[in-house]
Amino acid sequence: MRKLITILLVFFFSIHSLFSNEEENTIEILFPKAEFLNDYTARIPFKVIDQLIVVEAEFLSKKGNFIIDTGAERLVLNKNHFPKGQRITKKKTQTSGVTRIIDQPYERKLSEFILHNFNLKNKKSDIIDLSHIEKSKKMHLLGIIGYNILKDYEVFIDLYLNQITLSRVDKYGVKFDKKVYAETIADSLDFKLKKHTIVISGTVNNQKVRFALDTGAEFNQLNKDSHKKILEKFRPIRRLSLVGAGKKKIRVLAGKLYDFRMNERLGVGPMYTIVTNLRKMREAYGTSIDGVLGYEFLKYKRTIINYKKEKLYFINSPIFKP
């Protein structure tokens, strides 16, 4: 008999998971620093660890962290800390997100995932070894929260206040809580949702580009095979050695990308960027892209993501006068 798993997530109080085989065990995940505003909205403070957005949690009586990663398709659980003795199966497809291409991912179906009274049916999680991330970032990593959890909320990622706000939306993307933000929305931008990936169209040096918005990307990335006019706006600084998801080292060229514009009103830059081969990222993101916008973009733009409306909203950071 296939094992059923129920996870109950309650901000400020706890998340409960019910694993049923011959007996049931109750598992709690706590977000002790979360602020519950009402039935529809919660704020969770986060810390930035090596340009990754990380929320604190407590799982199986162990304190640890979850990475917020819009580039990940699903909830990811760290195999090192997942309960032993649970039946898992090898996944046929590759896993994307902050871990990018994983060599040996495993998959578990979550029959039910509830975020404070909201029942999200038939979620799936990937169970993989994240020990290389734990070691390199020097943190106790319990897992990664990806698209299949975030998509039913309007998600405000605020790197000015270091907090993420989740507000429940209906199937049209309209918030149930009408008074979520004290700040004024300064601008907005349409995007295309390709599979689970937010794709922003824009230009660099008047050349059209398609960039993925990925909160799990420590660095902005630009395809090394980009048009030469795009590469003209990249100013190299040095070469870096990075450890990929499969624990393989790669050499990349790091520098700054200039003149990225989303439209006539909205531009960002210069942004620290690495130039690398993005050919394999088509499978990870579910579409071909010219580059990736990560932490470097978000630190300039206080960004609200509405998956249902396929729209981004931007809030300006305060300007303090001396």
C-alpha atoms as a PDB file:
ATOM      1  CA  MET A   1       0.000   0.000   0.000  1.00  0.00           C
ATOM      2  CA  ARG A   2       1.386   3.322  -1.049  1.00  0.00           C
ATOM      3  CA  LYS A   3       2.266   5.468   1.892  1.00  0.00           C
ATOM      4  CA  LEU A   4       0.279   8.669   2.275  1.00  0.00           C
ATOM      5  CA  ILE A   5       1.903  11.824   3.601  1.00  0.00           C
ATOM      6  CA  THR A   6       0.029  14.792   4.954  1.00  0.00           C
ATOM      7  CA  ILE A   7       1.841  17.996   5.781  1.00  0.00           C
ATOM      8  CA  LEU A   8       0.049  20.683   7.758  1.00  0.00           C
ATOM      9  CA  LEU A   9       1.788  24.046   7.647  1.00  0.00           C
ATOM     10  CA  VAL A  10       0.687  26.770  10.060  1.00  0.00           C
ATOM     11  CA  PHE A  11       2.723  29.956  10.200  1.00  0.00           C
ATOM     12  CA  PHE A  12       3.657  31.215  13.668  1.00  0.00           C
ATOM     13  CA  PHE A  13       2.517  27.969  15.155  1.00  0.00           C
ATOM     14  CA  SER A  14       3.663  24.844  13.315  1.00  0.00           C
ATOM     15  CA  ILE A  15       3.634  22.573  10.314  1.00  0.00           C
ATOM     16  CA  HIS A  16       2.485  19.024  10.908  1.00  0.00           C
ATOM     17  CA  SER A  17       3.288  16.089   8.620  1.00  0.00           C
ATOM     18  CA  LEU A  18       1.504  12.766   8.991  1.00  0.00           C
ATOM     19  CA  PHE A  19       3.437   9.775   7.672  1.00  0.00           C
ATOM     20  CA  SER A  20       1.244   6.674   7.573  1.00  0.00           C
ATOM     21  CA  ASN A  21       2.374   3.121   7.071  1.00  0.00           C
ATOM     22  CA  GLU A  22       1.619   0.766   9.948  1.00  0.00           C
ATOM     23  CA  GLU A  23       1.585   3.645  12.404  1.00  0.00           C
ATOM     24  CA  GLU A  24       1.333   7.401  12.297  1.00  0.00           C
ATOM     25  CA  ASN A  25       3.953   9.815  13.547  1.00  0.00           C
ATOM     26  CA  THR A  26       3.348  13.518  13.959  1.00  0.00           C
ATOM     27  CA  ILE A  27       6.143  15.741  12.681  1.00  0.00           C
ATOM     28  CA  GLU A  28       6.248  19.445  13.441  1.00  0.00           C
ATOM     29  CA  ILE A  29       7.994  22.211  11.536  1.00  0.00           C
ATOM     30  CA  LEU A  30       8.046  25.543  13.351  1.00  0.00           C
ATOM     31  CA  PHE A  31       8.591  29.046  11.969  1.00  0.00           C
ATOM     32  CA  PRO A  32       8.953  30.816  15.323  1.00  0.00           C
ATOM     33  CA  LYS A  33       9.760  34.231  13.840  1.00  0.00           C
ATOM     34  CA  ALA A  34       6.829  34.379  11.422  1.00  0.00           C
ATOM     35  CA  GLU A  35       4.251  37.142  11.971  1.00  0.00           C
ATOM     36  CA  PHE A  36       0.692  36.079  11.232  1.00  0.00           C
ATOM     37  CA  LEU A  37      -1.300  39.147  10.125  1.00  0.00           C
ATOM     38  CA  ASN A  38      -4.707  37.584   9.433  1.00  0.00           C
ATOM     39  CA  ASP A  39      -6.287  34.520   7.830  1.00  0.00           C
ATOM     40  CA  TYR A  40      -4.638  35.256   4.478  1.00  0.00           C
ATOM     41  CA  THR A  41      -1.283  36.919   5.049  1.00  0.00           C
ATOM     42  CA  ALA A  42       1.928  36.087   6.867  1.00  0.00           C
ATOM     43  CA  ARG A  43       5.326  37.755   7.042  1.00  0.00           C
ATOM     44  CA  ILE A  44       8.486  35.740   7.540  1.00  0.00           C
ATOM     45  CA  PRO A  45      11.795  37.438   8.280  1.00  0.00           C
ATOM     46  CA  PHE A  46      14.751  36.035   6.396  1.00  0.00           C
ATOM     47  CA  LYS A  47      18.516  36.244   6.442  1.00  0.00           C
ATOM     48  CA  VAL A  48      20.806  36.405   3.441  1.00  0.00           C
ATOM     49  CA  ILE A  49      23.505  33.737   3.400  1.00  0.00           C
ATOM     50  CA  ASP A  50      25.918  34.146   0.493  1.00  0.00           C
ATOM     51  CA  GLN A  51      23.173  35.899  -1.467  1.00  0.00           C
ATOM     52  CA  LEU A  52      20.579  33.189  -0.816  1.00  0.00           C
ATOM     53  CA  ILE A  53      17.257  34.068   0.856  1.00  0.00           C
ATOM     54  CA  VAL A  54      16.960  31.806   3.895  1.00  0.00           C
ATOM     55  CA  VAL A  55      14.133  31.450   6.437  1.00  0.00           C
ATOM     56  CA  GLU A  56      14.652  29.843   9.844  1.00  0.00           C
ATOM     57  CA  ALA A  57      12.609  26.802  10.767  1.00  0.00           C
ATOM     58  CA  GLU A  58      12.512  23.880  13.177  1.00  0.00           C
ATOM     59  CA  PHE A  59      12.038  20.383  11.807  1.00  0.00           C
ATOM     60  CA  LEU A  60      12.029  17.099  13.741  1.00  0.00           C
ATOM     61  CA  SER A  61      13.185  19.023  16.816  1.00  0.00           C
ATOM     62  CA  LYS A  62      16.162  20.343  14.836  1.00  0.00           C
ATOM     63  CA  LYS A  63      16.593  24.005  14.014  1.00  0.00           C
ATOM     64  CA  GLY A  64      17.601  24.750  10.468  1.00  0.00           C
ATOM     65  CA  ASN A  65      16.865  26.665   7.305  1.00  0.00           C
ATOM     66  CA  PHE A  66      14.805  26.626   4.132  1.00  0.00           C
ATOM     67  CA  ILE A  67      15.919  28.479   0.995  1.00  0.00           C
ATOM     68  CA  ILE A  68      13.244  30.470  -0.863  1.00  0.00           C
ATOM     69  CA  ASP A  69      13.803  29.576  -4.509  1.00  0.00           C
ATOM     70  CA  THR A  70      11.429  30.642  -7.299  1.00  0.00           C
ATOM     71  CA  GLY A  71      13.643  28.735  -9.719  1.00  0.00           C
ATOM     72  CA  ALA A  72      12.846  25.412  -8.028  1.00  0.00           C
ATOM     73  CA  GLU A  73       9.807  23.609  -9.374  1.00  0.00           C
ATOM     74  CA  ARG A  74       8.864  21.946  -6.104  1.00  0.00           C
ATOM     75  CA  LEU A  75       9.411  21.681  -2.406  1.00  0.00           C
ATOM     76  CA  VAL A  76      12.834  20.083  -1.859  1.00  0.00           C
ATOM     77  CA  LEU A  77      13.722  18.183   1.316  1.00  0.00           C
ATOM     78  CA  ASN A  78      17.301  17.509   2.350  1.00  0.00           C
ATOM     79  CA  LYS A  79      17.945  13.771   2.291  1.00  0.00           C
ATOM     80  CA  ASN A  80      20.429  14.172   5.161  1.00  0.00           C
ATOM     81  CA  HIS A  81      17.697  15.333   7.552  1.00  0.00           C
ATOM     82  CA  PHE A  82      14.623  13.584   6.168  1.00  0.00           C
ATOM     83  CA  PRO A  83      13.180  10.833   8.391  1.00  0.00           C
ATOM     84  CA  LYS A  84      14.867   7.478   7.920  1.00  0.00           C
ATOM     85  CA  GLY A  85      12.871   4.459   6.870  1.00  0.00           C
ATOM     86  CA  GLN A  86      10.536   6.342   4.546  1.00  0.00           C
ATOM     87  CA  ARG A  87       9.849   4.842   1.123  1.00  0.00           C
ATOM     88  CA  ILE A  88      11.226   7.015  -1.678  1.00  0.00           C
ATOM     89  CA  THR A  89      11.621   6.392  -5.380  1.00  0.00           C
ATOM     90  CA  LYS A  90      14.247   7.529  -7.830  1.00  0.00           C
ATOM     91  CA  LYS A  91      13.025  10.404  -9.973  1.00  0.00           C
ATOM     92  CA  LYS A  92      13.114   9.994 -13.757  1.00  0.00           C
ATOM     93  CA  THR A  93      13.548  13.679 -14.586  1.00  0.00           C
ATOM     94  CA  GLN A  94      16.098  16.169 -13.338  1.00  0.00           C
ATOM     95  CA  THR A  95      15.553  18.688 -10.579  1.00  0.00           C
ATOM     96  CA  SER A  96      15.959  22.423 -11.030  1.00  0.00           C
ATOM     97  CA  GLY A  97      16.321  25.381  -8.721  1.00  0.00           C
ATOM     98  CA  VAL A  98      19.119  26.515  -6.461  1.00  0.00           C
ATOM     99  CA  THR A  99      20.512  23.003  -6.713  1.00  0.00           C
ATOM    100  CA  ARG A 100      20.148  23.159 -10.496  1.00  0.00           C
ATOM    101  CA  ILE A 101      20.929  19.858 -12.215  1.00  0.00           C
ATOM    102  CA  ILE A 102      20.958  17.137  -9.555  1.00  0.00           C
ATOM    103  CA  ASP A 103      22.518  13.757 -10.257  1.00  0.00           C
ATOM    104  CA  GLN A 104      20.333  11.532  -8.060  1.00  0.00           C
ATOM    105  CA  PRO A 105      17.055  13.231  -7.081  1.00  0.00           C
ATOM    106  CA  TYR A 106      14.277  11.352  -5.317  1.00  0.00           C
ATOM    107  CA  GLU A 107      10.599  12.165  -5.279  1.00  0.00           C
ATOM    108  CA  ARG A 108       7.737  11.878  -2.800  1.00  0.00           C
ATOM    109  CA  LYS A 109       4.115  12.776  -3.430  1.00  0.00           C
ATOM    110  CA  LEU A 110       2.556  14.975  -0.782  1.00  0.00           C
ATOM    111  CA  SER A 111      -1.122  14.069  -0.749  1.00  0.00           C
ATOM    112  CA  GLU A 112      -1.990  17.270   1.072  1.00  0.00           C
ATOM    113  CA  PHE A 113      -0.224  20.513   1.930  1.00  0.00           C
ATOM    114  CA  ILE A 114      -2.122  23.050   4.035  1.00  0.00           C
ATOM    115  CA  LEU A 115      -0.915  26.577   4.665  1.00  0.00           C
ATOM    116  CA  HIS A 116      -3.116  27.930   7.457  1.00  0.00           C
ATOM    117  CA  ASN A 117      -6.522  26.607   6.431  1.00  0.00           C
ATOM    118  CA  PHE A 118      -5.679  26.512   2.691  1.00  0.00           C
ATOM    119  CA  ASN A 119      -5.682  23.020   1.274  1.00  0.00           C
ATOM    120  CA  LEU A 120      -3.224  22.567  -1.605  1.00  0.00           C
ATOM    121  CA  LYS A 121      -3.794  19.101  -3.056  1.00  0.00           C
ATOM    122  CA  ASN A 122      -1.361  16.718  -4.721  1.00  0.00           C
ATOM    123  CA  LYS A 123       1.906  18.526  -4.134  1.00  0.00           C
ATOM    124  CA  LYS A 124       5.179  16.766  -4.746  1.00  0.00           C
ATOM    125  CA  SER A 125       8.562  17.145  -3.128  1.00  0.00           C
ATOM    126  CA  ASP A 126      12.042  16.201  -4.249  1.00  0.00           C
ATOM    127  CA  ILE A 127      14.269  14.444  -1.735  1.00  0.00           C
ATOM    128  CA  ILE A 128      17.936  15.003  -2.543  1.00  0.00           C
ATOM    129  CA  ASP A 129      21.328  15.303  -0.912  1.00  0.00           C
ATOM    130  CA  LEU A 130      21.962  18.986  -0.156  1.00  0.00           C
ATOM    131  CA  SER A 131      25.078  18.385   1.935  1.00  0.00           C
ATOM    132  CA  HIS A 132      27.316  20.261  -0.513  1.00  0.00           C
ATOM    133  CA  ILE A 133      25.197  23.390  -0.033  1.00  0.00           C
ATOM    134  CA  GLU A 134      25.231  22.943   3.746  1.00  0.00           C
ATOM    135  CA  LYS A 135      29.000  22.641   3.743  1.00  0.00           C
ATOM    136  CA  SER A 136      29.737  25.532   1.390  1.00  0.00           C
ATOM    137  CA  LYS A 137      27.231  27.902   3.050  1.00  0.00           C
ATOM    138  CA  LYS A 138      27.994  26.708   6.579  1.00  0.00           C
ATOM    139  CA  MET A 139      24.331  26.333   7.497  1.00  0.00           C
ATOM    140  CA  HIS A 140      21.969  23.604   8.630  1.00  0.00           C
ATOM    141  CA  LEU A 141      19.748  23.230   5.556  1.00  0.00           C
ATOM    142  CA  LEU A 142      16.446  21.401   5.884  1.00  0.00           C
ATOM    143  CA  GLY A 143      15.125  22.087   2.400  1.00  0.00           C
ATOM    144  CA  ILE A 144      14.045  24.459  -0.339  1.00  0.00           C
ATOM    145  CA  ILE A 145      10.635  26.070  -0.869  1.00  0.00           C
ATOM    146  CA  GLY A 146       9.828  26.321  -4.575  1.00  0.00           C
ATOM    147  CA  TYR A 147       7.152  27.197  -7.099  1.00  0.00           C
ATOM    148  CA  ASN A 148       4.532  24.573  -6.247  1.00  0.00           C
ATOM    149  CA  ILE A 149       4.213  26.065  -2.759  1.00  0.00           C
ATOM    150  CA  LEU A 150       4.583  29.754  -3.673  1.00  0.00           C
ATOM    151  CA  LYS A 151       2.284  29.910  -6.712  1.00  0.00           C
ATOM    152  CA  ASP A 152      -0.964  30.285  -4.747  1.00  0.00           C
ATOM    153  CA  TYR A 153       0.274  33.431  -3.012  1.00  0.00           C
ATOM    154  CA  GLU A 154       1.332  36.905  -3.924  1.00  0.00           C
ATOM    155  CA  VAL A 155       4.964  36.884  -2.837  1.00  0.00           C
ATOM    156  CA  PHE A 156       6.686  40.099  -1.723  1.00  0.00           C
ATOM    157  CA  ILE A 157      10.452  39.628  -1.521  1.00  0.00           C
ATOM    158  CA  ASP A 158      11.824  42.618   0.340  1.00  0.00           C
ATOM    159  CA  LEU A 159      15.610  42.778   0.539  1.00  0.00           C
ATOM    160  CA  TYR A 160      15.333  46.220   2.149  1.00  0.00           C
ATOM    161  CA  LEU A 161      13.515  44.907   5.249  1.00  0.00           C
ATOM    162  CA  ASN A 162      14.732  41.307   4.853  1.00  0.00           C
ATOM    163  CA  GLN A 163      11.291  39.769   4.970  1.00  0.00           C
ATOM    164  CA  ILE A 164       9.011  37.796   2.682  1.00  0.00           C
ATOM    165  CA  THR A 165       5.259  38.418   2.719  1.00  0.00           C
ATOM    166  CA  LEU A 166       2.884  35.704   1.497  1.00  0.00           C
ATOM    167  CA  SER A 167      -0.698  36.739   0.788  1.00  0.00           C
ATOM    168  CA  ARG A 168      -3.275  34.209  -0.402  1.00  0.00           C
ATOM    169  CA  VAL A 169      -4.843  34.877  -3.824  1.00  0.00           C
ATOM    170  CA  ASP A 170      -7.819  33.435  -5.696  1.00  0.00           C
ATOM    171  CA  LYS A 171      -7.560  31.670  -9.071  1.00  0.00           C
ATOM    172  CA  TYR A 172      -7.415  35.062 -10.801  1.00  0.00           C
ATOM    173  CA  GLY A 173      -4.564  36.337  -8.645  1.00  0.00           C
ATOM    174  CA  VAL A 174      -6.719  38.709  -6.583  1.00  0.00           C
ATOM    175  CA  LYS A 175      -5.609  38.942  -2.935  1.00  0.00           C
ATOM    176  CA  PHE A 176      -8.108  38.012  -0.246  1.00  0.00           C
ATOM    177  CA  ASP A 177      -6.379  40.519   2.026  1.00  0.00           C
ATOM    178  CA  LYS A 178      -6.901  43.948   0.446  1.00  0.00           C
ATOM    179  CA  LYS A 179      -4.562  45.860   2.767  1.00  0.00           C
ATOM    180  CA  VAL A 180      -1.322  43.918   2.673  1.00  0.00           C
ATOM    181  CA  TYR A 181       1.253  46.604   1.932  1.00  0.00           C
ATOM    182  CA  ALA A 182       1.848  49.875   3.711  1.00  0.00           C
ATOM    183  CA  GLU A 183       4.144  50.924   0.865  1.00  0.00           C
ATOM    184  CA  THR A 184       3.002  52.302  -2.490  1.00  0.00           C
ATOM    185  CA  ILE A 185       3.527  50.209  -5.610  1.00  0.00           C
ATOM    186  CA  ALA A 186       5.692  52.295  -7.944  1.00  0.00           C
ATOM    187  CA  ASP A 187       5.572  50.218 -11.121  1.00  0.00           C
ATOM    188  CA  SER A 188       4.602  46.884 -12.625  1.00  0.00           C
ATOM    189  CA  LEU A 189       5.722  44.520 -15.361  1.00  0.00           C
ATOM    190  CA  ASP A 190       4.121  41.591 -17.171  1.00  0.00           C
ATOM    191  CA  PHE A 191       6.011  38.316 -17.387  1.00  0.00           C
ATOM    192  CA  LYS A 192       5.484  34.927 -19.022  1.00  0.00           C
ATOM    193  CA  LEU A 193       5.246  31.834 -16.868  1.00  0.00           C
ATOM    194  CA  LYS A 194       7.021  29.033 -18.718  1.00  0.00           C
ATOM    195  CA  LYS A 195       6.369  25.820 -16.831  1.00  0.00           C
ATOM    196  CA  HIS A 196       7.435  27.006 -13.342  1.00  0.00           C
ATOM    197  CA  THR A 197       9.803  29.754 -14.514  1.00  0.00           C
ATOM    198  CA  ILE A 198       9.222  33.522 -14.446  1.00  0.00           C
ATOM    199  CA  VAL A 199      10.527  34.854 -17.775  1.00  0.00           C
ATOM    200  CA  ILE A 200      11.088  38.589 -18.190  1.00  0.00           C
ATOM    201  CA  SER A 201      11.539  40.115 -21.647  1.00  0.00           C
ATOM    202  CA  GLY A 202      13.849  43.100 -21.986  1.00  0.00           C
ATOM    203  CA  THR A 203      16.817  44.483 -23.848  1.00  0.00           C
ATOM    204  CA  VAL A 204      20.559  44.818 -23.427  1.00  0.00           C
ATOM    205  CA  ASN A 205      22.227  47.294 -25.777  1.00  0.00           C
ATOM    206  CA  ASN A 206      18.944  47.368 -27.755  1.00  0.00           C
ATOM    207  CA  GLN A 207      19.089  43.584 -28.272  1.00  0.00           C
ATOM    208  CA  LYS A 208      16.107  41.549 -27.099  1.00  0.00           C
ATOM    209  CA  VAL A 209      16.734  39.178 -24.184  1.00  0.00           C
ATOM    210  CA  ARG A 210      14.698  36.718 -22.118  1.00  0.00           C
ATOM    211  CA  PHE A 211      15.828  36.402 -18.503  1.00  0.00           C
ATOM    212  CA  ALA A 212      14.555  34.007 -15.824  1.00  0.00           C
ATOM    213  CA  LEU A 213      13.825  35.560 -12.414  1.00  0.00           C
ATOM    214  CA  ASP A 214      15.268  33.163  -9.850  1.00  0.00           C
ATOM    215  CA  THR A 215      15.508  33.998  -6.141  1.00  0.00           C
ATOM    216  CA  GLY A 216      17.766  30.973  -5.681  1.00  0.00           C
ATOM    217  CA  ALA A 217      20.447  32.365  -8.002  1.00  0.00           C
ATOM    218  CA  GLU A 218      23.367  33.776  -6.027  1.00  0.00           C
ATOM    219  CA  PHE A 219      24.696  35.426  -9.177  1.00  0.00           C
ATOM    220  CA  ASN A 220      23.073  36.885 -12.245  1.00  0.00           C
ATOM    221  CA  GLN A 221      23.987  34.745 -15.245  1.00  0.00           C
ATOM    222  CA  LEU A 222      24.457  35.557 -18.918  1.00  0.00           C
ATOM    223  CA  ASN A 223      24.717  33.009 -21.696  1.00  0.00           C
ATOM    224  CA  LYS A 224      28.220  32.968 -23.181  1.00  0.00           C
ATOM    225  CA  ASP A 225      26.667  32.432 -26.627  1.00  0.00           C
ATOM    226  CA  SER A 226      24.701  35.694 -26.445  1.00  0.00           C
ATOM    227  CA  HIS A 227      24.751  38.158 -29.338  1.00  0.00           C
ATOM    228  CA  LYS A 228      28.015  40.100 -29.491  1.00  0.00           C
ATOM    229  CA  LYS A 229      26.175  43.400 -28.929  1.00  0.00           C
ATOM    230  CA  ILE A 230      24.853  42.015 -25.622  1.00  0.00           C
ATOM    231  CA  LEU A 231      28.316  40.837 -24.591  1.00  0.00           C
ATOM    232  CA  GLU A 232      29.642  44.332 -25.345  1.00  0.00           C
ATOM    233  CA  LYS A 233      27.734  45.514 -22.270  1.00  0.00           C
ATOM    234  CA  PHE A 234      29.467  42.980 -20.051  1.00  0.00           C
ATOM    235  CA  ARG A 235      32.614  44.266 -18.338  1.00  0.00           C
ATOM    236  CA  PRO A 236      34.788  41.351 -17.114  1.00  0.00           C
ATOM    237  CA  ILE A 237      36.525  41.673 -13.743  1.00  0.00           C
ATOM    238  CA  ARG A 238      37.941  38.230 -12.892  1.00  0.00           C
ATOM    239  CA  ARG A 239      37.524  34.477 -13.231  1.00  0.00           C
ATOM    240  CA  LEU A 240      35.829  32.438 -10.518  1.00  0.00           C
ATOM    241  CA  SER A 241      35.685  28.745  -9.635  1.00  0.00           C
ATOM    242  CA  LEU A 242      32.182  27.643  -8.681  1.00  0.00           C
ATOM    243  CA  VAL A 243      30.951  24.303  -7.357  1.00  0.00           C
ATOM    244  CA  GLY A 244      27.867  23.150  -9.221  1.00  0.00           C
ATOM    245  CA  ALA A 245      25.001  21.025  -7.930  1.00  0.00           C
ATOM    246  CA  GLY A 246      26.751  17.825  -8.948  1.00  0.00           C
ATOM    247  CA  LYS A 247      29.765  18.940  -6.874  1.00  0.00           C
ATOM    248  CA  LYS A 248      31.714  19.628 -10.069  1.00  0.00           C
ATOM    249  CA  LYS A 249      33.885  22.725 -10.267  1.00  0.00           C
ATOM    250  CA  ILE A 250      33.395  25.083 -13.181  1.00  0.00           C
ATOM    251  CA  ARG A 251      35.318  28.189 -14.227  1.00  0.00           C
ATOM    252  CA  VAL A 252      33.291  31.271 -15.085  1.00  0.00           C
ATOM    253  CA  LEU A 253      33.993  34.858 -16.044  1.00  0.00           C
ATOM    254  CA  ALA A 254      32.612  37.371 -13.534  1.00  0.00           C
ATOM    255  CA  GLY A 255      31.985  41.057 -14.090  1.00  0.00           C
ATOM    256  CA  LYS A 256      29.218  43.627 -14.453  1.00  0.00           C
ATOM    257  CA  LEU A 257      26.338  43.756 -16.919  1.00  0.00           C
ATOM    258  CA  TYR A 258      25.235  47.214 -18.028  1.00  0.00           C
ATOM    259  CA  ASP A 259      22.197  48.601 -19.820  1.00  0.00           C
ATOM    260  CA  PHE A 260      19.568  45.970 -18.965  1.00  0.00           C
ATOM    261  CA  ARG A 261      16.116  47.448 -19.500  1.00  0.00           C
ATOM    262  CA  MET A 262      12.748  45.803 -18.943  1.00  0.00           C
ATOM    263  CA  ASN A 263      10.953  48.581 -20.814  1.00  0.00           C
ATOM    264  CA  GLU A 264      11.357  52.310 -21.455  1.00  0.00           C
ATOM    265  CA  ARG A 265      10.604  53.148 -17.817  1.00  0.00           C
ATOM    266  CA  LEU A 266      12.374  50.349 -15.995  1.00  0.00           C
ATOM    267  CA  GLY A 267      16.078  49.710 -16.122  1.00  0.00           C
ATOM    268  CA  VAL A 268      18.544  48.073 -13.745  1.00  0.00           C
ATOM    269  CA  GLY A 269      22.281  48.135 -13.574  1.00  0.00           C
ATOM    270  CA  PRO A 270      25.099  47.693 -13.457  1.00  0.00           C
ATOM    271  CA  MET A 271      24.634  44.228 -11.922  1.00  0.00           C
ATOM    272  CA  TYR A 272      27.301  41.706 -10.959  1.00  0.00           C
ATOM    273  CA  THR A 273      26.960  38.849 -13.436  1.00  0.00           C
ATOM    274  CA  ILE A 274      28.761  35.687 -14.473  1.00  0.00           C
ATOM    275  CA  VAL A 275      29.065  34.523 -18.088  1.00  0.00           C
ATOM    276  CA  THR A 276      28.539  30.793 -18.478  1.00  0.00           C
ATOM    277  CA  ASN A 277      26.993  28.127 -20.682  1.00  0.00           C
ATOM    278  CA  LEU A 278      23.231  28.086 -20.126  1.00  0.00           C
ATOM    279  CA  ARG A 279      22.487  25.337 -22.640  1.00  0.00           C
ATOM    280  CA  LYS A 280      21.658  22.788 -19.948  1.00  0.00           C
ATOM    281  CA  MET A 281      19.368  25.228 -18.161  1.00  0.00           C
ATOM    282  CA  ARG A 282      16.643  24.743 -20.768  1.00  0.00           C
ATOM    283  CA  GLU A 283      15.605  21.521 -19.048  1.00  0.00           C
ATOM    284  CA  ALA A 284      15.969  23.023 -15.588  1.00  0.00           C
ATOM    285  CA  TYR A 285      13.825  26.072 -16.333  1.00  0.00           C
ATOM    286  CA  GLY A 286      11.537  24.479 -18.907  1.00  0.00           C
ATOM    287  CA  THR A 287      12.381  27.074 -21.571  1.00  0.00           C
ATOM    288  CA  SER A 288      15.352  28.615 -23.356  1.00  0.00           C
ATOM    289  CA  ILE A 289      16.701  31.821 -21.804  1.00  0.00           C
ATOM    290  CA  ASP A 290      19.480  34.338 -22.389  1.00  0.00           C
ATOM    291  CA  GLY A 291      20.258  34.804 -18.727  1.00  0.00           C
ATOM    292  CA  VAL A 292      19.173  34.641 -15.093  1.00  0.00           C
ATOM    293  CA  LEU A 293      18.262  37.465 -12.726  1.00  0.00           C
ATOM    294  CA  GLY A 294      18.913  36.588  -9.094  1.00  0.00           C
ATOM    295  CA  TYR A 295      20.006  38.334  -5.918  1.00  0.00           C
ATOM    296  CA  GLU A 296      21.722  41.156  -7.822  1.00  0.00           C
ATOM    297  CA  PHE A 297      18.410  42.128  -9.392  1.00  0.00           C
ATOM    298  CA  LEU A 298      16.327  41.744  -6.241  1.00  0.00           C
ATOM    299  CA  LYS A 299      18.612  43.940  -4.152  1.00  0.00           C
ATOM    300  CA  TYR A 300      17.764  46.835  -6.473  1.00  0.00           C
ATOM    301  CA  LYS A 301      14.079  46.005  -6.843  1.00  0.00           C
ATOM    302  CA  ARG A 302      11.712  45.306  -3.929  1.00  0.00           C
ATOM    303  CA  THR A 303       9.701  42.804  -5.924  1.00  0.00           C
ATOM    304  CA  ILE A 304       6.174  41.379  -5.642  1.00  0.00           C
ATOM    305  CA  ILE A 305       5.401  38.251  -7.659  1.00  0.00           C
ATOM    306  CA  ASN A 306       1.858  37.338  -8.672  1.00  0.00           C
ATOM    307  CA  TYR A 307       1.974  34.007 -10.498  1.00  0.00           C
ATOM    308  CA  LYS A 308      -1.726  33.904 -11.366  1.00  0.00           C
ATOM    309  CA  LYS A 309      -1.687  37.339 -13.020  1.00  0.00           C
ATOM    310  CA  GLU A 310       1.808  36.766 -14.452  1.00  0.00           C
ATOM    311  CA  LYS A 311       2.793  40.156 -13.157  1.00  0.00           C
ATOM    312  CA  LEU A 312       5.598  41.736 -11.135  1.00  0.00           C
ATOM    313  CA  TYR A 313       5.126  44.808  -8.960  1.00  0.00           C
ATOM    314  CA  PHE A 314       7.927  47.009  -7.667  1.00  0.00           C
ATOM    315  CA  ILE A 315       8.103  49.096  -4.503  1.00  0.00           C
ATOM    316  CA  ASN A 316      10.742  51.797  -4.147  1.00  0.00           C
ATOM    317  CA  SER A 317      13.220  51.727  -1.288  1.00  0.00           C
ATOM    318  CA  PRO A 318      13.093  54.775   1.013  1.00  0.00           C
ATOM    319  CA  ILE A 319      15.557  57.541   0.261  1.00  0.00           C
ATOM    320  CA  PHE A 320      17.023  58.981   3.425  1.00  0.00           C
ATOM    321  CA  LYS A 321      18.220  62.571   3.366  1.00  0.00           C
ATOM    322  CA  PRO A 322      21.349  63.414   5.382  1.00  0.00           C
END
